[in-house]
Amino acid sequence: MRYIYLTLIATTALLIAQNSENNSSYGKKVFETYCWGCHHQTSEAFGPSFEEIASKRSKEEIFAMISNPQEVSKIFGYKRNAMPAFNLNQKELEAIANYILSFKPDTNSSKSK
């Protein structure tokens, strides 16, 4: 019985890890399709880097900005033009938000992506 229990735990952990990796690669794909022209992961382009966004914004704020950039830009007090709206579905929003947040600086480590 103990062996079965340990096997179930190990299998579940592997599935979660695999799903996390798939979500990360999907988030990168969404980024490359919609965001790369103006945002880069670690350096500023036309828009802020993902590192900067991740260090300042919550997942909900990222969702809002991607979903309704014109309105949210006004709320955040941005002076320049907002990014275009891409009309992403929920799966794409979730993937890109998680991908952006994966660049949040780790205050416990000097590891960089």
PDB file of N, CA and C in Angstrom:
ATOM      1  N   MET A   1       0.823  -1.191   0.000  1.00  0.00           N
ATOM      2  CA  MET A   1       0.000   0.000   0.000  1.00  0.00           C
ATOM      3  C   MET A   1       0.874   1.264   0.000  1.00  0.00           C
ATOM      4  N   ARG A   2       1.923   1.251   0.791  1.00  0.00           N
ATOM      5  CA  ARG A   2       2.817   2.398   0.859  1.00  0.00           C
ATOM      6  C   ARG A   2       3.474   2.643  -0.500  1.00  0.00           C
ATOM      7  N   TYR A   3       3.844   1.582  -1.196  1.00  0.00           N
ATOM      8  CA  TYR A   3       4.462   1.692  -2.512  1.00  0.00           C
ATOM      9  C   TYR A   3       3.499   2.360  -3.501  1.00  0.00           C
ATOM     10  N   ILE A   4       2.248   1.971  -3.475  1.00  0.00           N
ATOM     11  CA  ILE A   4       1.241   2.555  -4.366  1.00  0.00           C
ATOM     12  C   ILE A   4       1.084   4.049  -4.061  1.00  0.00           C
ATOM     13  N   TYR A   5       1.026   4.391  -2.800  1.00  0.00           N
ATOM     14  CA  TYR A   5       0.886   5.785  -2.382  1.00  0.00           C
ATOM     15  C   TYR A   5       2.070   6.619  -2.879  1.00  0.00           C
ATOM     16  N   LEU A   6       3.290   6.116  -2.709  1.00  0.00           N
ATOM     17  CA  LEU A   6       4.481   6.830  -3.162  1.00  0.00           C
ATOM     18  C   LEU A   6       4.506   6.960  -4.684  1.00  0.00           C
ATOM     19  N   THR A   7       4.070   5.918  -5.370  1.00  0.00           N
ATOM     20  CA  THR A   7       4.010   5.956  -6.829  1.00  0.00           C
ATOM     21  C   THR A   7       3.022   7.023  -7.300  1.00  0.00           C
ATOM     22  N   LEU A   8       1.866   7.108  -6.649  1.00  0.00           N
ATOM     23  CA  LEU A   8       0.873   8.123  -7.009  1.00  0.00           C
ATOM     24  C   LEU A   8       1.406   9.537  -6.784  1.00  0.00           C
ATOM     25  N   ILE A   9       2.094   9.735  -5.685  1.00  0.00           N
ATOM     26  CA  ILE A   9       2.670  11.051  -5.396  1.00  0.00           C
ATOM     27  C   ILE A   9       3.720  11.415  -6.447  1.00  0.00           C
ATOM     28  N   ALA A  10       4.590  10.479  -6.776  1.00  0.00           N
ATOM     29  CA  ALA A  10       5.636  10.735  -7.766  1.00  0.00           C
ATOM     30  C   ALA A  10       5.043  11.016  -9.143  1.00  0.00           C
ATOM     31  N   THR A  11       4.040  10.260  -9.529  1.00  0.00           N
ATOM     32  CA  THR A  11       3.390  10.461 -10.825  1.00  0.00           C
ATOM     33  C   THR A  11       2.716  11.827 -10.890  1.00  0.00           C
ATOM     34  N   THR A  12       2.035  12.196  -9.832  1.00  0.00           N
ATOM     35  CA  THR A  12       1.372  13.502  -9.783  1.00  0.00           C
ATOM     36  C   THR A  12       2.398  14.627  -9.894  1.00  0.00           C
ATOM     37  N   ALA A  13       3.499  14.506  -9.186  1.00  0.00           N
ATOM     38  CA  ALA A  13       4.545  15.530  -9.236  1.00  0.00           C
ATOM     39  C   ALA A  13       5.122  15.660 -10.642  1.00  0.00           C
ATOM     40  N   LEU A  14       5.334  14.531 -11.312  1.00  0.00           N
ATOM     41  CA  LEU A  14       5.854  14.568 -12.677  1.00  0.00           C
ATOM     42  C   LEU A  14       4.868  15.227 -13.635  1.00  0.00           C
ATOM     43  N   LEU A  15       3.595  14.920 -13.491  1.00  0.00           N
ATOM     44  CA  LEU A  15       2.577  15.527 -14.352  1.00  0.00           C
ATOM     45  C   LEU A  15       2.488  17.036 -14.132  1.00  0.00           C
ATOM     46  N   ILE A  16       2.574  17.460 -12.896  1.00  0.00           N
ATOM     47  CA  ILE A  16       2.540  18.893 -12.593  1.00  0.00           C
ATOM     48  C   ILE A  16       3.762  19.582 -13.195  1.00  0.00           C
ATOM     49  N   ALA A  17       4.923  18.984 -13.053  1.00  0.00           N
ATOM     50  CA  ALA A  17       6.145  19.565 -13.609  1.00  0.00           C
ATOM     51  C   ALA A  17       6.069  19.643 -15.131  1.00  0.00           C
ATOM     52  N   GLN A  18       5.565  18.599 -15.766  1.00  0.00           N
ATOM     53  CA  GLN A  18       5.439  18.585 -17.219  1.00  0.00           C
ATOM     54  C   GLN A  18       4.443  19.647 -17.676  1.00  0.00           C
ATOM     55  N   ASN A  19       3.321  19.759 -16.989  1.00  0.00           N
ATOM     56  CA  ASN A  19       2.317  20.761 -17.339  1.00  0.00           C
ATOM     57  C   ASN A  19       2.883  22.170 -17.184  1.00  0.00           C
ATOM     58  N   SER A  20       3.672  22.383 -16.145  1.00  0.00           N
ATOM     59  CA  SER A  20       4.295  23.684 -15.923  1.00  0.00           C
ATOM     60  C   SER A  20       5.247  24.022 -17.066  1.00  0.00           C
ATOM     61  N   GLU A  21       6.022  23.050 -17.511  1.00  0.00           N
ATOM     62  CA  GLU A  21       6.949  23.253 -18.624  1.00  0.00           C
ATOM     63  C   GLU A  21       6.183  23.544 -19.908  1.00  0.00           C
ATOM     64  N   ASN A  22       5.093  22.814 -20.148  1.00  0.00           N
ATOM     65  CA  ASN A  22       4.275  23.059 -21.336  1.00  0.00           C
ATOM     66  C   ASN A  22       3.684  24.460 -21.303  1.00  0.00           C
ATOM     67  N   ASN A  23       3.202  24.899 -20.135  1.00  0.00           N
ATOM     68  CA  ASN A  23       2.643  26.242 -20.010  1.00  0.00           C
ATOM     69  C   ASN A  23       3.705  27.300 -20.263  1.00  0.00           C
ATOM     70  N   SER A  24       4.915  27.059 -19.775  1.00  0.00           N
ATOM     71  CA  SER A  24       6.001  28.007 -19.973  1.00  0.00           C
ATOM     72  C   SER A  24       6.355  28.119 -21.451  1.00  0.00           C
ATOM     73  N   SER A  25       6.444  26.992 -22.145  1.00  0.00           N
ATOM     74  CA  SER A  25       6.771  27.045 -23.569  1.00  0.00           C
ATOM     75  C   SER A  25       5.619  27.655 -24.363  1.00  0.00           C
ATOM     76  N   TYR A  26       4.385  27.419 -23.947  1.00  0.00           N
ATOM     77  CA  TYR A  26       3.240  28.040 -24.616  1.00  0.00           C
ATOM     78  C   TYR A  26       3.245  29.551 -24.370  1.00  0.00           C
ATOM     79  N   GLY A  27       3.567  29.961 -23.151  1.00  0.00           N
ATOM     80  CA  GLY A  27       3.667  31.385 -22.847  1.00  0.00           C
ATOM     81  C   GLY A  27       4.733  32.060 -23.692  1.00  0.00           C
ATOM     82  N   LYS A  28       5.854  31.378 -23.884  1.00  0.00           N
ATOM     83  CA  LYS A  28       6.920  31.925 -24.730  1.00  0.00           C
ATOM     84  C   LYS A  28       6.438  32.051 -26.173  1.00  0.00           C
ATOM     85  N   LYS A  29       5.685  31.066 -26.636  1.00  0.00           N
ATOM     86  CA  LYS A  29       5.146  31.108 -28.002  1.00  0.00           C
ATOM     87  C   LYS A  29       4.184  32.290 -28.168  1.00  0.00           C
ATOM     88  N   VAL A  30       3.301  32.507 -27.187  1.00  0.00           N
ATOM     89  CA  VAL A  30       2.372  33.644 -27.238  1.00  0.00           C
ATOM     90  C   VAL A  30       3.172  34.948 -27.239  1.00  0.00           C
ATOM     91  N   PHE A  31       4.194  35.032 -26.388  1.00  0.00           N
ATOM     92  CA  PHE A  31       5.073  36.206 -26.346  1.00  0.00           C
ATOM     93  C   PHE A  31       5.690  36.474 -27.713  1.00  0.00           C
ATOM     94  N   GLU A  32       6.254  35.436 -28.327  1.00  0.00           N
ATOM     95  CA  GLU A  32       6.913  35.613 -29.618  1.00  0.00           C
ATOM     96  C   GLU A  32       5.927  36.029 -30.709  1.00  0.00           C
ATOM     97  N   THR A  33       4.685  35.594 -30.594  1.00  0.00           N
ATOM     98  CA  THR A  33       3.666  35.928 -31.589  1.00  0.00           C
ATOM     99  C   THR A  33       3.158  37.354 -31.436  1.00  0.00           C
ATOM    100  N   TYR A  34       2.883  37.788 -30.214  1.00  0.00           N
ATOM    101  CA  TYR A  34       2.201  39.061 -30.002  1.00  0.00           C
ATOM    102  C   TYR A  34       3.044  40.168 -29.376  1.00  0.00           C
ATOM    103  N   CYS A  35       4.022  39.832 -28.581  1.00  0.00           N
ATOM    104  CA  CYS A  35       4.667  40.832 -27.719  1.00  0.00           C
ATOM    105  C   CYS A  35       6.075  41.233 -28.140  1.00  0.00           C
ATOM    106  N   TRP A  36       6.787  40.348 -28.818  1.00  0.00           N
ATOM    107  CA  TRP A  36       8.211  40.538 -29.039  1.00  0.00           C
ATOM    108  C   TRP A  36       8.551  41.818 -29.800  1.00  0.00           C
ATOM    109  N   GLY A  37       7.671  42.303 -30.651  1.00  0.00           N
ATOM    110  CA  GLY A  37       7.970  43.515 -31.410  1.00  0.00           C
ATOM    111  C   GLY A  37       8.221  44.731 -30.530  1.00  0.00           C
ATOM    112  N   CYS A  38       7.601  44.772 -29.356  1.00  0.00           N
ATOM    113  CA  CYS A  38       7.732  45.939 -28.472  1.00  0.00           C
ATOM    114  C   CYS A  38       8.344  45.622 -27.111  1.00  0.00           C
ATOM    115  N   HIS A  39       8.319  44.375 -26.700  1.00  0.00           N
ATOM    116  CA  HIS A  39       8.842  43.986 -25.384  1.00  0.00           C
ATOM    117  C   HIS A  39       9.905  42.906 -25.555  1.00  0.00           C
ATOM    118  N   HIS A  40      10.940  43.002 -24.739  1.00  0.00           N
ATOM    119  CA  HIS A  40      11.935  41.936 -24.676  1.00  0.00           C
ATOM    120  C   HIS A  40      11.957  41.433 -23.246  1.00  0.00           C
ATOM    121  N   GLN A  41      12.483  40.242 -23.075  1.00  0.00           N
ATOM    122  CA  GLN A  41      12.415  39.635 -21.757  1.00  0.00           C
ATOM    123  C   GLN A  41      13.187  40.424 -20.707  1.00  0.00           C
ATOM    124  N   THR A  42      14.414  40.802 -21.008  1.00  0.00           N
ATOM    125  CA  THR A  42      15.257  41.391 -19.968  1.00  0.00           C
ATOM    126  C   THR A  42      15.753  42.802 -20.279  1.00  0.00           C
ATOM    127  N   SER A  43      15.507  43.310 -21.472  1.00  0.00           N
ATOM    128  CA  SER A  43      15.951  44.666 -21.794  1.00  0.00           C
ATOM    129  C   SER A  43      14.793  45.466 -22.372  1.00  0.00           C
ATOM    130  N   GLU A  44      14.857  46.769 -22.188  1.00  0.00           N
ATOM    131  CA  GLU A  44      13.774  47.625 -22.663  1.00  0.00           C
ATOM    132  C   GLU A  44      13.843  47.773 -24.175  1.00  0.00           C
ATOM    133  N   ALA A  45      12.718  47.676 -24.812  1.00  0.00           N
ATOM    134  CA  ALA A  45      12.578  47.932 -26.243  1.00  0.00           C
ATOM    135  C   ALA A  45      11.649  49.141 -26.349  1.00  0.00           C
ATOM    136  N   PHE A  46      10.630  49.085 -27.189  1.00  0.00           N
ATOM    137  CA  PHE A  46       9.651  50.173 -27.231  1.00  0.00           C
ATOM    138  C   PHE A  46       8.860  50.209 -25.926  1.00  0.00           C
ATOM    139  N   GLY A  47       8.490  49.029 -25.444  1.00  0.00           N
ATOM    140  CA  GLY A  47       7.791  48.905 -24.167  1.00  0.00           C
ATOM    141  C   GLY A  47       8.742  48.386 -23.100  1.00  0.00           C
ATOM    142  N   PRO A  48       8.298  48.355 -21.861  1.00  0.00           N
ATOM    143  CA  PRO A  48       9.163  47.879 -20.775  1.00  0.00           C
ATOM    144  C   PRO A  48       9.479  46.390 -20.904  1.00  0.00           C
ATOM    145  N   SER A  49      10.588  45.997 -20.310  1.00  0.00           N
ATOM    146  CA  SER A  49      10.976  44.583 -20.317  1.00  0.00           C
ATOM    147  C   SER A  49      10.038  43.785 -19.420  1.00  0.00           C
ATOM    148  N   PHE A  50      10.017  42.476 -19.652  1.00  0.00           N
ATOM    149  CA  PHE A  50       9.198  41.611 -18.799  1.00  0.00           C
ATOM    150  C   PHE A  50       9.713  41.630 -17.365  1.00  0.00           C
ATOM    151  N   GLU A  51      11.028  41.784 -17.180  1.00  0.00           N
ATOM    152  CA  GLU A  51      11.566  41.888 -15.819  1.00  0.00           C
ATOM    153  C   GLU A  51      10.958  43.088 -15.101  1.00  0.00           C
ATOM    154  N   GLU A  52      10.886  44.220 -15.804  1.00  0.00           N
ATOM    155  CA  GLU A  52      10.323  45.430 -15.192  1.00  0.00           C
ATOM    156  C   GLU A  52       8.834  45.254 -14.898  1.00  0.00           C
ATOM    157  N   ILE A  53       8.103  44.709 -15.866  1.00  0.00           N
ATOM    158  CA  ILE A  53       6.665  44.491 -15.671  1.00  0.00           C
ATOM    159  C   ILE A  53       6.435  43.557 -14.489  1.00  0.00           C
ATOM    160  N   ALA A  54       7.166  42.444 -14.458  1.00  0.00           N
ATOM    161  CA  ALA A  54       6.978  41.440 -13.402  1.00  0.00           C
ATOM    162  C   ALA A  54       7.311  41.994 -12.026  1.00  0.00           C
ATOM    163  N   SER A  55       8.256  42.921 -11.962  1.00  0.00           N
ATOM    164  CA  SER A  55       8.628  43.473 -10.656  1.00  0.00           C
ATOM    165  C   SER A  55       7.626  44.518 -10.160  1.00  0.00           C
ATOM    166  N   LYS A  56       6.778  45.058 -11.057  1.00  0.00           N
ATOM    167  CA  LYS A  56       5.859  46.133 -10.674  1.00  0.00           C
ATOM    168  C   LYS A  56       4.386  45.749 -10.693  1.00  0.00           C
ATOM    169  N   ARG A  57       4.005  44.737 -11.438  1.00  0.00           N
ATOM    170  CA  ARG A  57       2.591  44.454 -11.669  1.00  0.00           C
ATOM    171  C   ARG A  57       2.186  43.067 -11.191  1.00  0.00           C
ATOM    172  N   SER A  58       0.927  42.979 -10.752  1.00  0.00           N
ATOM    173  CA  SER A  58       0.351  41.692 -10.351  1.00  0.00           C
ATOM    174  C   SER A  58      -0.181  40.981 -11.593  1.00  0.00           C
ATOM    175  N   LYS A  59      -0.535  39.732 -11.417  1.00  0.00           N
ATOM    176  CA  LYS A  59      -1.110  38.964 -12.517  1.00  0.00           C
ATOM    177  C   LYS A  59      -2.396  39.625 -13.008  1.00  0.00           C
ATOM    178  N   GLU A  60      -3.202  40.109 -12.093  1.00  0.00           N
ATOM    179  CA  GLU A  60      -4.462  40.757 -12.458  1.00  0.00           C
ATOM    180  C   GLU A  60      -4.216  42.034 -13.259  1.00  0.00           C
ATOM    181  N   GLU A  61      -3.203  42.798 -12.871  1.00  0.00           N
ATOM    182  CA  GLU A  61      -2.874  44.021 -13.613  1.00  0.00           C
ATOM    183  C   GLU A  61      -2.359  43.696 -15.011  1.00  0.00           C
ATOM    184  N   ILE A  62      -1.594  42.628 -15.124  1.00  0.00           N
ATOM    185  CA  ILE A  62      -1.100  42.199 -16.436  1.00  0.00           C
ATOM    186  C   ILE A  62      -2.274  41.779 -17.317  1.00  0.00           C
ATOM    187  N   PHE A  63      -3.192  40.981 -16.760  1.00  0.00           N
ATOM    188  CA  PHE A  63      -4.408  40.592 -17.498  1.00  0.00           C
ATOM    189  C   PHE A  63      -5.138  41.834 -17.999  1.00  0.00           C
ATOM    190  N   ALA A  64      -5.354  42.795 -17.100  1.00  0.00           N
ATOM    191  CA  ALA A  64      -6.111  43.998 -17.448  1.00  0.00           C
ATOM    192  C   ALA A  64      -5.411  44.788 -18.551  1.00  0.00           C
ATOM    193  N   MET A  65      -4.106  44.943 -18.441  1.00  0.00           N
ATOM    194  CA  MET A  65      -3.364  45.714 -19.433  1.00  0.00           C
ATOM    195  C   MET A  65      -3.419  45.059 -20.804  1.00  0.00           C
ATOM    196  N   ILE A  66      -3.307  43.741 -20.855  1.00  0.00           N
ATOM    197  CA  ILE A  66      -3.357  43.046 -22.139  1.00  0.00           C
ATOM    198  C   ILE A  66      -4.777  43.073 -22.708  1.00  0.00           C
ATOM    199  N   SER A  67      -5.769  42.926 -21.855  1.00  0.00           N
ATOM    200  CA  SER A  67      -7.163  42.865 -22.298  1.00  0.00           C
ATOM    201  C   SER A  67      -7.715  44.220 -22.732  1.00  0.00           C
ATOM    202  N   ASN A  68      -7.326  45.288 -22.040  1.00  0.00           N
ATOM    203  CA  ASN A  68      -7.887  46.614 -22.309  1.00  0.00           C
ATOM    204  C   ASN A  68      -6.802  47.680 -22.146  1.00  0.00           C
ATOM    205  N   PRO A  69      -5.803  47.658 -23.030  1.00  0.00           N
ATOM    206  CA  PRO A  69      -4.641  48.530 -22.830  1.00  0.00           C
ATOM    207  C   PRO A  69      -4.948  50.026 -22.857  1.00  0.00           C
ATOM    208  N   GLN A  70      -5.886  50.456 -23.672  1.00  0.00           N
ATOM    209  CA  GLN A  70      -6.192  51.890 -23.747  1.00  0.00           C
ATOM    210  C   GLN A  70      -6.684  52.421 -22.403  1.00  0.00           C
ATOM    211  N   GLU A  71      -7.634  51.724 -21.818  1.00  0.00           N
ATOM    212  CA  GLU A  71      -8.227  52.168 -20.551  1.00  0.00           C
ATOM    213  C   GLU A  71      -7.245  52.029 -19.383  1.00  0.00           C
ATOM    214  N   VAL A  72      -6.554  50.905 -19.326  1.00  0.00           N
ATOM    215  CA  VAL A  72      -5.633  50.662 -18.211  1.00  0.00           C
ATOM    216  C   VAL A  72      -4.449  51.626 -18.268  1.00  0.00           C
ATOM    217  N   SER A  73      -4.007  51.996 -19.460  1.00  0.00           N
ATOM    218  CA  SER A  73      -2.922  52.981 -19.576  1.00  0.00           C
ATOM    219  C   SER A  73      -3.311  54.295 -18.920  1.00  0.00           C
ATOM    220  N   LYS A  74      -4.557  54.699 -19.102  1.00  0.00           N
ATOM    221  CA  LYS A  74      -5.047  55.925 -18.457  1.00  0.00           C
ATOM    222  C   LYS A  74      -5.048  55.770 -16.938  1.00  0.00           C
ATOM    223  N   ILE A  75      -5.509  54.623 -16.461  1.00  0.00           N
ATOM    224  CA  ILE A  75      -5.564  54.367 -15.016  1.00  0.00           C
ATOM    225  C   ILE A  75      -4.163  54.391 -14.410  1.00  0.00           C
ATOM    226  N   PHE A  76      -3.186  53.782 -15.118  1.00  0.00           N
ATOM    227  CA  PHE A  76      -1.810  53.750 -14.623  1.00  0.00           C
ATOM    228  C   PHE A  76      -1.107  55.099 -14.803  1.00  0.00           C
ATOM    229  N   GLY A  77      -1.726  56.022 -15.537  1.00  0.00           N
ATOM    230  CA  GLY A  77      -1.151  57.349 -15.727  1.00  0.00           C
ATOM    231  C   GLY A  77      -0.070  57.421 -16.781  1.00  0.00           C
ATOM    232  N   TYR A  78      -0.065  56.494 -17.741  1.00  0.00           N
ATOM    233  CA  TYR A  78       0.937  56.527 -18.805  1.00  0.00           C
ATOM    234  C   TYR A  78       0.637  57.669 -19.760  1.00  0.00           C
ATOM    235  N   LYS A  79       1.658  58.382 -20.173  1.00  0.00           N
ATOM    236  CA  LYS A  79       1.494  59.538 -21.051  1.00  0.00           C
ATOM    237  C   LYS A  79       1.496  59.143 -22.530  1.00  0.00           C
ATOM    238  N   ARG A  80       2.282  58.157 -22.891  1.00  0.00           N
ATOM    239  CA  ARG A  80       2.375  57.801 -24.311  1.00  0.00           C
ATOM    240  C   ARG A  80       1.289  56.805 -24.709  1.00  0.00           C
ATOM    241  N   ASN A  81       1.210  56.546 -25.986  1.00  0.00           N
ATOM    242  CA  ASN A  81       0.187  55.642 -26.504  1.00  0.00           C
ATOM    243  C   ASN A  81       0.293  54.258 -25.883  1.00  0.00           C
ATOM    244  N   ALA A  82      -0.856  53.663 -25.705  1.00  0.00           N
ATOM    245  CA  ALA A  82      -0.915  52.312 -25.147  1.00  0.00           C
ATOM    246  C   ALA A  82      -0.611  51.293 -26.237  1.00  0.00           C
ATOM    247  N   MET A  83      -0.305  50.109 -25.803  1.00  0.00           N
ATOM    248  CA  MET A  83      -0.087  49.026 -26.755  1.00  0.00           C
ATOM    249  C   MET A  83      -1.415  48.638 -27.405  1.00  0.00           C
ATOM    250  N   PRO A  84      -1.349  47.969 -28.546  1.00  0.00           N
ATOM    251  CA  PRO A  84      -2.596  47.537 -29.191  1.00  0.00           C
ATOM    252  C   PRO A  84      -3.245  46.391 -28.421  1.00  0.00           C
ATOM    253  N   ALA A  85      -4.538  46.270 -28.565  1.00  0.00           N
ATOM    254  CA  ALA A  85      -5.262  45.140 -27.967  1.00  0.00           C
ATOM    255  C   ALA A  85      -5.177  43.967 -28.940  1.00  0.00           C
ATOM    256  N   PHE A  86      -4.851  42.791 -28.435  1.00  0.00           N
ATOM    257  CA  PHE A  86      -4.706  41.621 -29.298  1.00  0.00           C
ATOM    258  C   PHE A  86      -5.861  40.642 -29.188  1.00  0.00           C
ATOM    259  N   ASN A  87      -6.803  40.895 -28.306  1.00  0.00           N
ATOM    260  CA  ASN A  87      -7.979  40.042 -28.174  1.00  0.00           C
ATOM    261  C   ASN A  87      -7.597  38.574 -27.921  1.00  0.00           C
ATOM    262  N   LEU A  88      -6.735  38.359 -26.935  1.00  0.00           N
ATOM    263  CA  LEU A  88      -6.294  37.008 -26.593  1.00  0.00           C
ATOM    264  C   LEU A  88      -7.379  36.270 -25.824  1.00  0.00           C
ATOM    265  N   ASN A  89      -7.406  34.951 -25.993  1.00  0.00           N
ATOM    266  CA  ASN A  89      -8.356  34.149 -25.217  1.00  0.00           C
ATOM    267  C   ASN A  89      -7.793  33.902 -23.814  1.00  0.00           C
ATOM    268  N   GLN A  90      -8.599  33.303 -22.954  1.00  0.00           N
ATOM    269  CA  GLN A  90      -8.212  33.099 -21.550  1.00  0.00           C
ATOM    270  C   GLN A  90      -6.942  32.257 -21.419  1.00  0.00           C
ATOM    271  N   LYS A  91      -6.813  31.223 -22.233  1.00  0.00           N
ATOM    272  CA  LYS A  91      -5.622  30.361 -22.177  1.00  0.00           C
ATOM    273  C   LYS A  91      -4.371  31.157 -22.555  1.00  0.00           C
ATOM    274  N   GLU A  92      -4.469  31.985 -23.587  1.00  0.00           N
ATOM    275  CA  GLU A  92      -3.333  32.803 -24.003  1.00  0.00           C
ATOM    276  C   GLU A  92      -2.992  33.852 -22.945  1.00  0.00           C
ATOM    277  N   LEU A  93      -4.020  34.478 -22.368  1.00  0.00           N
ATOM    278  CA  LEU A  93      -3.787  35.458 -21.296  1.00  0.00           C
ATOM    279  C   LEU A  93      -3.072  34.824 -20.111  1.00  0.00           C
ATOM    280  N   GLU A  94      -3.549  33.670 -19.708  1.00  0.00           N
ATOM    281  CA  GLU A  94      -2.942  32.951 -18.577  1.00  0.00           C
ATOM    282  C   GLU A  94      -1.488  32.604 -18.884  1.00  0.00           C
ATOM    283  N   ALA A  95      -1.242  32.099 -20.089  1.00  0.00           N
ATOM    284  CA  ALA A  95       0.109  31.686 -20.471  1.00  0.00           C
ATOM    285  C   ALA A  95       1.064  32.873 -20.514  1.00  0.00           C
ATOM    286  N   ILE A  96       0.642  33.971 -21.121  1.00  0.00           N
ATOM    287  CA  ILE A  96       1.546  35.116 -21.230  1.00  0.00           C
ATOM    288  C   ILE A  96       1.758  35.783 -19.877  1.00  0.00           C
ATOM    289  N   ALA A  97       0.728  35.856 -19.061  1.00  0.00           N
ATOM    290  CA  ALA A  97       0.894  36.444 -17.722  1.00  0.00           C
ATOM    291  C   ALA A  97       1.870  35.617 -16.888  1.00  0.00           C
ATOM    292  N   ASN A  98       1.730  34.301 -16.925  1.00  0.00           N
ATOM    293  CA  ASN A  98       2.655  33.434 -16.184  1.00  0.00           C
ATOM    294  C   ASN A  98       4.071  33.551 -16.732  1.00  0.00           C
ATOM    295  N   TYR A  99       4.194  33.652 -18.047  1.00  0.00           N
ATOM    296  CA  TYR A  99       5.518  33.795 -18.659  1.00  0.00           C
ATOM    297  C   TYR A  99       6.158  35.118 -18.224  1.00  0.00           C
ATOM    298  N   ILE A 100       5.397  36.193 -18.276  1.00  0.00           N
ATOM    299  CA  ILE A 100       5.915  37.496 -17.838  1.00  0.00           C
ATOM    300  C   ILE A 100       6.349  37.428 -16.374  1.00  0.00           C
ATOM    301  N   LEU A 101       5.505  36.850 -15.536  1.00  0.00           N
ATOM    302  CA  LEU A 101       5.821  36.781 -14.103  1.00  0.00           C
ATOM    303  C   LEU A 101       7.001  35.870 -13.801  1.00  0.00           C
ATOM    304  N   SER A 102       7.353  34.980 -14.728  1.00  0.00           N
ATOM    305  CA  SER A 102       8.533  34.132 -14.514  1.00  0.00           C
ATOM    306  C   SER A 102       9.819  34.959 -14.551  1.00  0.00           C
ATOM    307  N   PHE A 103       9.739  36.199 -15.007  1.00  0.00           N
ATOM    308  CA  PHE A 103      10.898  37.091 -15.043  1.00  0.00           C
ATOM    309  C   PHE A 103      10.997  37.989 -13.817  1.00  0.00           C
ATOM    310  N   LYS A 104      10.122  37.772 -12.849  1.00  0.00           N
ATOM    311  CA  LYS A 104      10.173  38.566 -11.618  1.00  0.00           C
ATOM    312  C   LYS A 104      11.517  38.320 -10.943  1.00  0.00           C
ATOM    313  N   PRO A 105      12.235  39.379 -10.627  1.00  0.00           N
ATOM    314  CA  PRO A 105      13.543  39.197  -9.989  1.00  0.00           C
ATOM    315  C   PRO A 105      13.428  38.397  -8.695  1.00  0.00           C
ATOM    316  N   ASP A 106      14.315  37.450  -8.540  1.00  0.00           N
ATOM    317  CA  ASP A 106      14.353  36.618  -7.341  1.00  0.00           C
ATOM    318  C   ASP A 106      15.222  37.322  -6.312  1.00  0.00           C
ATOM    319  N   THR A 107      14.612  37.796  -5.253  1.00  0.00           N
ATOM    320  CA  THR A 107      15.363  38.527  -4.230  1.00  0.00           C
ATOM    321  C   THR A 107      16.219  37.612  -3.370  1.00  0.00           C
ATOM    322  N   ASN A 108      16.006  36.299  -3.482  1.00  0.00           N
ATOM    323  CA  ASN A 108      16.781  35.352  -2.680  1.00  0.00           C
ATOM    324  C   ASN A 108      17.978  34.794  -3.421  1.00  0.00           C
ATOM    325  N   SER A 109      18.143  35.183  -4.685  1.00  0.00           N
ATOM    326  CA  SER A 109      19.191  34.588  -5.498  1.00  0.00           C
ATOM    327  C   SER A 109      19.662  35.603  -6.526  1.00  0.00           C
ATOM    328  N   SER A 110      20.860  35.429  -7.010  1.00  0.00           N
ATOM    329  CA  SER A 110      21.360  36.294  -8.073  1.00  0.00           C
ATOM    330  C   SER A 110      21.212  35.626  -9.427  1.00  0.00           C
ATOM    331  N   LYS A 111      20.475  34.529  -9.483  1.00  0.00           N
ATOM    332  CA  LYS A 111      20.252  33.785 -10.715  1.00  0.00           C
ATOM    333  C   LYS A 111      19.475  34.648 -11.706  1.00  0.00           C
ATOM    334  N   SER A 112      19.926  34.687 -12.954  1.00  0.00           N
ATOM    335  CA  SER A 112      19.197  35.423 -13.992  1.00  0.00           C
ATOM    336  C   SER A 112      18.768  34.474 -15.088  1.00  0.00           C
ATOM    337  N   LYS A 113      17.726  34.871 -15.834  1.00  0.00           N
ATOM    338  CA  LYS A 113      17.187  34.010 -16.893  1.00  0.00           C
ATOM    339  C   LYS A 113      17.825  34.326 -18.210  1.00  0.00           C
TER     340      LYS A 113
END
